[in-house]
Protein backbone atom coordinates (compact mmCIF):
# COMPACT_ATOMS: atom_id res chain seq x y z
CA MET A 1 -22.24 8.92 12.36
CA LYS A 2 -19.40 10.55 10.40
CA GLU A 3 -15.79 11.49 11.69
CA GLN A 4 -16.55 15.36 11.40
CA ASP A 5 -19.54 14.71 13.86
CA LEU A 6 -17.27 13.63 16.65
CA ILE A 7 -15.29 16.58 15.85
CA ASP A 8 -17.93 19.01 15.87
CA LEU A 9 -19.08 17.48 19.48
CA GLY A 10 -15.54 18.32 21.06
CA PHE A 11 -14.00 14.73 20.77
CA GLU A 12 -10.22 14.58 21.13
CA ILE A 13 -8.44 12.39 18.60
CA ASN A 14 -6.04 9.90 19.91
CA HIS A 15 -3.15 8.30 17.43
CA ASP A 16 -2.03 4.97 18.10
CA GLU A 17 0.09 2.14 16.25
CA GLU A 18 -0.64 -1.72 16.95
CA ASN A 19 1.56 -4.04 15.10
CA GLY A 20 3.04 -1.40 13.30
CA LYS A 21 -0.23 -0.07 11.57
CA PRO A 22 -0.73 3.23 12.67
CA TYR A 23 -4.70 4.09 13.69
CA HIS A 24 -7.04 6.81 15.21
CA TYR A 25 -9.97 7.03 17.31
CA TYR A 26 -11.74 9.49 19.27
CA THR A 27 -12.48 10.02 23.08
CA TYR A 28 -14.88 12.38 25.23
CA ASP A 29 -13.95 12.77 29.12
CA ILE A 30 -17.31 12.92 30.83
CA GLY A 31 -16.17 12.57 34.39
CA LYS A 32 -12.79 11.70 36.36
CA TYR A 33 -12.82 8.14 35.38
CA ASP A 34 -15.27 7.99 32.55
CA CYS A 35 -15.35 8.73 28.75
CA LEU A 36 -16.79 8.19 25.48
CA ILE A 37 -14.88 6.17 23.18
CA SER A 38 -15.24 5.80 19.40
CA ASN A 39 -14.65 3.07 16.89
CA THR A 40 -11.15 3.31 15.29
CA ASN A 41 -10.82 4.44 11.71
CA ASP A 42 -9.59 1.28 10.33
CA GLU A 43 -13.05 0.04 10.89
CA GLY A 44 -14.54 1.44 7.95
CA ASN A 45 -16.48 5.15 7.60
CA VAL A 46 -19.06 4.69 9.99
CA TRP A 47 -18.40 5.85 13.39
CA TYR A 48 -19.97 5.16 16.71
CA VAL A 49 -19.33 5.81 20.45
CA GLU A 50 -19.64 3.73 23.45
CA LEU A 51 -18.88 4.30 27.16
CA PHE A 52 -15.22 3.11 27.74
CA GLU A 53 -14.91 -0.53 28.70
CA SER A 54 -18.97 -1.24 27.85
CA ASP A 55 -20.69 -2.25 24.71
CA GLU A 56 -24.08 -2.32 26.31
CA ILE A 57 -24.78 1.06 25.13
CA ARG A 58 -23.58 2.46 21.59
CA PHE A 59 -24.41 6.06 19.80
CA THR A 60 -24.86 5.69 16.02
CA ASN A 61 -26.75 9.11 15.73
CA LYS A 62 -25.11 12.35 16.49
CA GLU A 63 -27.92 13.95 17.78
CA GLU A 64 -28.75 11.08 20.37
CA LEU A 65 -25.01 11.46 21.39
CA LYS A 66 -25.13 15.40 21.83
CA LEU A 67 -28.05 15.13 23.74
CA PHE A 68 -26.40 12.49 26.04
CA ILE A 69 -23.30 14.89 26.43
CA ASP A 70 -25.64 17.76 27.31
CA LEU A 71 -27.43 15.72 30.10
CA ILE A 72 -24.03 14.83 31.56
CA ASN A 73 -22.59 18.19 31.17
CA ARG A 74 -25.62 19.81 32.97
CA ASN A 75 -25.59 17.32 35.80
CA LYS A 76 -21.80 17.40 36.91
CA LYS A 77 -21.37 18.41 40.33
């Protein structure tokens, strides 16, 4: 997946700085306490998305991620 794919899907960019080195990553809120989070830009050109604080599910395909987001949004209370 590419960085532009995350932007196209509505992810928000987050800037941070750890040990003086700036980096960014993307998040997408899927509920009051849950979100999807990407890896950081300093991990190479390949982007992926996981559920926050869980590495059991990883999306590397834009279309599959879009399906997941659509399912979540259609079934929110």
